[in-house]
Amino acid sequence: MYNVTEFKICDRVEKMRLNSIKEISEEASDIRQDNEDLAMLKIIYEHLQLSDHDRAVVDDYIFCLKSRAQRMEQHIYYAGMMDSVNL
């Protein structure tokens, strides 16, 4: 069972992770470029003439990619933290 201290540590680590993501998104030129490309592609996608079924398939595919990337990002971040602690 988790105690209050463990929850506070988890909350602090999660805040650090999210802050790292924000900093990288703002500072890394390749990530900034990807973000700009995604914004442009989103506008193009919204104007495509797709049936409701086709749009749902594409939306599900995009959601799955994003969800997987977010889970991988979390696992990689926490694995990196554990590696640092174990040094």
Protein backbone atom coordinates (compact mmCIF):
# COMPACT_ATOMS: atom_id res chain seq x y z
CA MET A 1 0.00 0.00 0.00
CA TYR A 2 1.23 3.47 -0.83
CA ASN A 3 1.66 6.08 1.84
CA VAL A 4 1.35 9.86 1.56
CA THR A 5 5.10 10.33 1.08
CA GLU A 6 5.14 7.98 -1.91
CA PHE A 7 2.26 9.88 -3.51
CA LYS A 8 4.04 13.19 -2.95
CA ILE A 9 7.22 11.81 -4.53
CA CYS A 10 5.27 10.45 -7.52
CA ASP A 11 3.52 13.79 -7.95
CA ARG A 12 6.83 15.66 -7.80
CA VAL A 13 8.46 13.33 -10.34
CA GLU A 14 5.47 13.67 -12.69
CA LYS A 15 5.66 17.48 -12.45
CA MET A 16 9.38 17.30 -13.26
CA ARG A 17 8.64 15.07 -16.27
CA LEU A 18 6.00 17.43 -17.62
CA ASN A 19 8.30 20.41 -17.08
CA SER A 20 11.05 18.61 -19.01
CA ILE A 21 8.67 17.99 -21.89
CA LYS A 22 7.67 21.66 -21.94
CA GLU A 23 11.29 22.83 -21.91
CA ILE A 24 12.31 20.43 -24.68
CA SER A 25 9.31 21.46 -26.78
CA GLU A 26 10.32 25.10 -26.48
CA GLU A 27 14.09 24.78 -26.82
CA ALA A 28 14.84 21.92 -29.22
CA SER A 29 14.70 23.23 -32.79
CA ASP A 30 13.79 19.85 -34.28
CA ILE A 31 10.91 19.41 -31.85
CA ARG A 32 9.71 22.97 -32.51
CA GLN A 33 9.78 22.20 -36.25
CA ASP A 34 7.81 18.99 -35.70
CA ASN A 35 5.23 20.93 -33.66
CA GLU A 36 4.88 23.49 -36.46
CA ASP A 37 4.53 20.71 -39.03
CA LEU A 38 1.88 19.01 -36.91
CA ALA A 39 -0.10 22.25 -36.64
CA MET A 40 0.01 22.70 -40.41
CA LEU A 41 -0.97 19.07 -41.05
CA LYS A 42 -3.86 19.36 -38.60
CA ILE A 43 -5.28 22.27 -40.59
CA ILE A 44 -4.88 20.34 -43.84
CA TYR A 45 -6.48 17.24 -42.29
CA GLU A 46 -9.46 19.21 -40.99
CA HIS A 47 -10.19 20.41 -44.54
CA LEU A 48 -9.99 16.98 -46.20
CA GLN A 49 -13.22 15.70 -47.68
CA LEU A 50 -13.51 12.40 -45.80
CA SER A 51 -16.53 10.32 -44.97
CA ASP A 52 -17.40 10.01 -41.28
CA HIS A 53 -16.18 6.40 -41.31
CA ASP A 54 -12.84 7.28 -42.93
CA ARG A 55 -12.32 10.22 -40.56
CA ALA A 56 -13.05 7.95 -37.58
CA VAL A 57 -10.46 5.41 -38.78
CA VAL A 58 -7.83 8.12 -39.25
CA ASP A 59 -8.70 9.69 -35.88
CA ASP A 60 -8.40 6.31 -34.15
CA TYR A 61 -5.05 5.71 -35.83
CA ILE A 62 -3.73 9.12 -34.77
CA PHE A 63 -5.01 8.61 -31.21
CA CYS A 64 -3.32 5.23 -31.00
CA LEU A 65 0.01 6.68 -32.19
CA LYS A 66 -0.20 9.55 -29.72
CA SER A 67 -1.21 7.29 -26.85
CA ARG A 68 1.62 4.88 -27.54
CA ALA A 69 4.14 7.72 -27.81
CA GLN A 70 2.99 9.19 -24.50
CA ARG A 71 3.26 5.85 -22.70
CA MET A 72 6.71 5.22 -24.18
CA GLU A 73 7.81 8.70 -23.17
CA GLN A 74 6.73 8.07 -19.58
CA HIS A 75 8.48 4.70 -19.40
CA ILE A 76 11.67 6.11 -20.92
CA TYR A 77 11.68 9.08 -18.55
CA TYR A 78 11.18 6.91 -15.46
CA ALA A 79 13.76 4.38 -16.67
CA GLY A 80 16.24 7.23 -17.11
CA MET A 81 15.52 8.45 -13.59
CA MET A 82 16.07 4.97 -12.20
CA ASP A 83 19.34 4.70 -14.13
CA SER A 84 20.45 8.01 -12.60
CA VAL A 85 19.54 6.87 -9.09
CA ASN A 86 21.42 3.59 -9.60
CA LEU A 87 24.63 5.34 -10.67
